Amino acid sequence: MVDIEEQKPYIFMVNNIKICTYLLDFMVTYATGRVEFVDVKGVSTDIYKIKSKLLFAIYGIKIKEVKRGDF
């Protein structure tokens, strides 16, 4: 069984100030317990690159980026 959670928000806070929110396209949990964080992109913008680094730095989440035409 696979569980897919769509549009999962992650809030980036610094010194109790909300800086921004990252909206992850999909969080996929496999039957084995493995979790994959997937974002579908047409173009990797500079803002996306910064937010993906913040997501890893704050939450320890590494995004699997999928190009829009690849799925």
N, C-alpha and C. Protein backbone atom coordinates (compact mmCIF):
# COMPACT_ATOMS: atom_id res chain seq x y z
N MET A 1 0.84 -1.19 0.00
CA MET A 1 0.00 0.00 0.00
C MET A 1 0.88 1.25 0.00
N VAL A 2 0.42 2.25 -0.71
CA VAL A 2 1.13 3.53 -0.78
C VAL A 2 0.18 4.62 -0.32
N ASP A 3 0.67 5.52 0.54
CA ASP A 3 -0.11 6.67 0.98
C ASP A 3 0.51 7.92 0.37
N ILE A 4 -0.33 8.73 -0.28
CA ILE A 4 0.15 9.95 -0.92
C ILE A 4 -0.56 11.14 -0.30
N GLU A 5 0.24 12.04 0.26
CA GLU A 5 -0.31 13.28 0.81
C GLU A 5 0.08 14.41 -0.14
N GLU A 6 -0.91 15.17 -0.59
CA GLU A 6 -0.67 16.24 -1.55
C GLU A 6 -0.63 17.61 -0.87
N GLN A 7 0.16 18.51 -1.47
CA GLN A 7 0.22 19.91 -1.05
C GLN A 7 0.50 20.05 0.44
N LYS A 8 1.57 19.42 0.89
CA LYS A 8 1.95 19.46 2.31
C LYS A 8 2.77 20.73 2.58
N PRO A 9 2.28 21.61 3.48
CA PRO A 9 3.00 22.85 3.75
C PRO A 9 4.07 22.68 4.83
N TYR A 10 5.18 23.38 4.64
CA TYR A 10 6.25 23.46 5.63
C TYR A 10 6.54 24.93 5.86
N ILE A 11 6.50 25.35 7.11
CA ILE A 11 6.71 26.76 7.46
C ILE A 11 8.15 26.95 7.89
N PHE A 12 8.78 28.00 7.37
CA PHE A 12 10.15 28.34 7.73
C PHE A 12 10.11 29.51 8.72
N MET A 13 10.56 29.23 9.94
CA MET A 13 10.58 30.23 11.00
C MET A 13 12.03 30.51 11.41
N VAL A 14 12.32 31.78 11.66
CA VAL A 14 13.62 32.18 12.19
C VAL A 14 13.34 33.15 13.33
N ASN A 15 13.84 32.83 14.52
CA ASN A 15 13.62 33.66 15.71
C ASN A 15 12.14 33.98 15.91
N ASN A 16 11.31 32.96 15.76
CA ASN A 16 9.86 33.07 15.93
C ASN A 16 9.19 34.01 14.93
N ILE A 17 9.85 34.25 13.81
CA ILE A 17 9.28 35.06 12.74
C ILE A 17 9.08 34.16 11.52
N LYS A 18 7.86 34.14 11.01
CA LYS A 18 7.58 33.34 9.81
C LYS A 18 8.22 34.03 8.61
N ILE A 19 9.12 33.31 7.95
CA ILE A 19 9.81 33.86 6.78
C ILE A 19 9.02 33.55 5.51
N CYS A 20 8.64 32.28 5.35
CA CYS A 20 7.87 31.87 4.19
C CYS A 20 7.35 30.45 4.42
N THR A 21 6.59 29.96 3.45
CA THR A 21 6.06 28.61 3.49
C THR A 21 6.47 27.90 2.21
N TYR A 22 6.82 26.62 2.36
CA TYR A 22 7.11 25.78 1.20
C TYR A 22 5.97 24.78 1.06
N LEU A 23 5.39 24.70 -0.12
CA LEU A 23 4.29 23.79 -0.36
C LEU A 23 4.80 22.62 -1.20
N LEU A 24 5.04 21.50 -0.53
CA LEU A 24 5.54 20.29 -1.19
C LEU A 24 4.42 19.65 -1.99
N ASP A 25 4.71 19.25 -3.22
CA ASP A 25 3.68 18.67 -4.07
C ASP A 25 3.16 17.34 -3.51
N PHE A 26 4.06 16.41 -3.20
CA PHE A 26 3.64 15.09 -2.73
C PHE A 26 4.58 14.54 -1.66
N MET A 27 4.00 13.95 -0.62
CA MET A 27 4.75 13.14 0.33
C MET A 27 4.24 11.72 0.16
N VAL A 28 5.10 10.82 -0.30
CA VAL A 28 4.71 9.45 -0.61
C VAL A 28 5.27 8.53 0.47
N THR A 29 4.40 7.78 1.14
CA THR A 29 4.83 6.81 2.14
C THR A 29 4.53 5.42 1.59
N TYR A 30 5.58 4.62 1.46
CA TYR A 30 5.45 3.27 0.91
C TYR A 30 5.14 2.27 2.03
N ALA A 31 4.68 1.09 1.67
CA ALA A 31 4.32 0.05 2.63
C ALA A 31 5.50 -0.33 3.53
N THR A 32 6.70 -0.18 3.01
CA THR A 32 7.91 -0.50 3.78
C THR A 32 8.23 0.54 4.84
N GLY A 33 7.51 1.69 4.79
CA GLY A 33 7.77 2.78 5.72
C GLY A 33 8.67 3.86 5.14
N ARG A 34 9.24 3.60 3.97
CA ARG A 34 10.09 4.59 3.31
C ARG A 34 9.23 5.77 2.86
N VAL A 35 9.74 6.98 3.07
CA VAL A 35 9.02 8.19 2.71
C VAL A 35 9.81 8.93 1.64
N GLU A 36 9.11 9.40 0.62
CA GLU A 36 9.73 10.15 -0.46
C GLU A 36 9.02 11.50 -0.56
N PHE A 37 9.79 12.55 -0.69
CA PHE A 37 9.25 13.90 -0.82
C PHE A 37 9.45 14.33 -2.26
N VAL A 38 8.35 14.52 -2.99
CA VAL A 38 8.41 14.71 -4.44
C VAL A 38 7.85 16.07 -4.81
N ASP A 39 8.58 16.76 -5.67
CA ASP A 39 8.11 18.02 -6.22
C ASP A 39 8.20 17.95 -7.74
N VAL A 40 7.14 18.34 -8.41
CA VAL A 40 7.09 18.32 -9.87
C VAL A 40 7.38 19.74 -10.35
N LYS A 41 8.41 19.87 -11.19
CA LYS A 41 8.84 21.19 -11.64
C LYS A 41 8.92 21.26 -13.15
N GLY A 42 8.48 22.38 -13.69
CA GLY A 42 8.72 22.67 -15.09
C GLY A 42 10.07 23.36 -15.21
N VAL A 43 10.32 24.29 -14.27
CA VAL A 43 11.57 25.05 -14.23
C VAL A 43 12.00 25.16 -12.77
N SER A 44 13.28 24.96 -12.50
CA SER A 44 13.82 25.15 -11.15
C SER A 44 14.21 26.61 -10.97
N THR A 45 13.34 27.38 -10.32
CA THR A 45 13.60 28.80 -10.12
C THR A 45 14.60 29.00 -8.97
N ASP A 46 15.13 30.19 -8.87
CA ASP A 46 16.05 30.51 -7.78
C ASP A 46 15.34 30.41 -6.43
N ILE A 47 14.08 30.83 -6.37
CA ILE A 47 13.32 30.74 -5.11
C ILE A 47 13.14 29.28 -4.70
N TYR A 48 12.82 28.41 -5.67
CA TYR A 48 12.69 26.99 -5.37
C TYR A 48 14.00 26.43 -4.83
N LYS A 49 15.12 26.80 -5.43
CA LYS A 49 16.42 26.29 -5.00
C LYS A 49 16.72 26.71 -3.55
N ILE A 50 16.41 27.95 -3.22
CA ILE A 50 16.63 28.42 -1.84
C ILE A 50 15.70 27.69 -0.87
N LYS A 51 14.41 27.58 -1.23
CA LYS A 51 13.46 26.92 -0.34
C LYS A 51 13.78 25.44 -0.17
N SER A 52 14.28 24.77 -1.20
CA SER A 52 14.63 23.36 -1.06
C SER A 52 15.83 23.19 -0.12
N LYS A 53 16.75 24.14 -0.16
CA LYS A 53 17.89 24.10 0.77
C LYS A 53 17.42 24.37 2.20
N LEU A 54 16.50 25.32 2.37
CA LEU A 54 15.94 25.58 3.69
C LEU A 54 15.18 24.37 4.22
N LEU A 55 14.44 23.70 3.35
CA LEU A 55 13.70 22.51 3.76
C LEU A 55 14.64 21.44 4.30
N PHE A 56 15.77 21.28 3.65
CA PHE A 56 16.76 20.30 4.12
C PHE A 56 17.42 20.77 5.41
N ALA A 57 17.78 22.06 5.48
CA ALA A 57 18.47 22.60 6.66
C ALA A 57 17.59 22.57 7.91
N ILE A 58 16.31 22.89 7.75
CA ILE A 58 15.41 22.99 8.91
C ILE A 58 14.75 21.66 9.25
N TYR A 59 14.29 20.93 8.23
CA TYR A 59 13.52 19.71 8.47
C TYR A 59 14.26 18.42 8.13
N GLY A 60 15.44 18.54 7.49
CA GLY A 60 16.19 17.34 7.10
C GLY A 60 15.55 16.61 5.93
N ILE A 61 14.75 17.31 5.14
CA ILE A 61 14.02 16.69 4.03
C ILE A 61 14.74 16.98 2.72
N LYS A 62 15.06 15.93 2.01
CA LYS A 62 15.67 16.02 0.68
C LYS A 62 14.57 15.77 -0.35
N ILE A 63 14.40 16.69 -1.28
CA ILE A 63 13.33 16.61 -2.28
C ILE A 63 13.79 15.79 -3.48
N LYS A 64 12.90 14.94 -3.94
CA LYS A 64 13.09 14.26 -5.22
C LYS A 64 12.38 15.12 -6.26
N GLU A 65 13.16 15.73 -7.14
CA GLU A 65 12.59 16.61 -8.14
C GLU A 65 12.28 15.83 -9.40
N VAL A 66 11.04 15.97 -9.87
CA VAL A 66 10.59 15.30 -11.09
C VAL A 66 10.24 16.38 -12.10
N LYS A 67 10.76 16.24 -13.29
CA LYS A 67 10.43 17.20 -14.36
C LYS A 67 9.02 16.94 -14.85
N ARG A 68 8.30 17.98 -15.17
CA ARG A 68 6.89 17.90 -15.52
C ARG A 68 6.60 16.88 -16.63
N GLY A 69 7.45 16.78 -17.64
CA GLY A 69 7.21 15.86 -18.75
C GLY A 69 7.65 14.43 -18.49
N ASP A 70 8.24 14.15 -17.31
CA ASP A 70 8.82 12.82 -17.04
C ASP A 70 7.85 11.85 -16.37
N PHE A 71 6.64 12.28 -16.06
CA PHE A 71 5.74 11.34 -15.37
C PHE A 71 4.46 11.15 -16.13
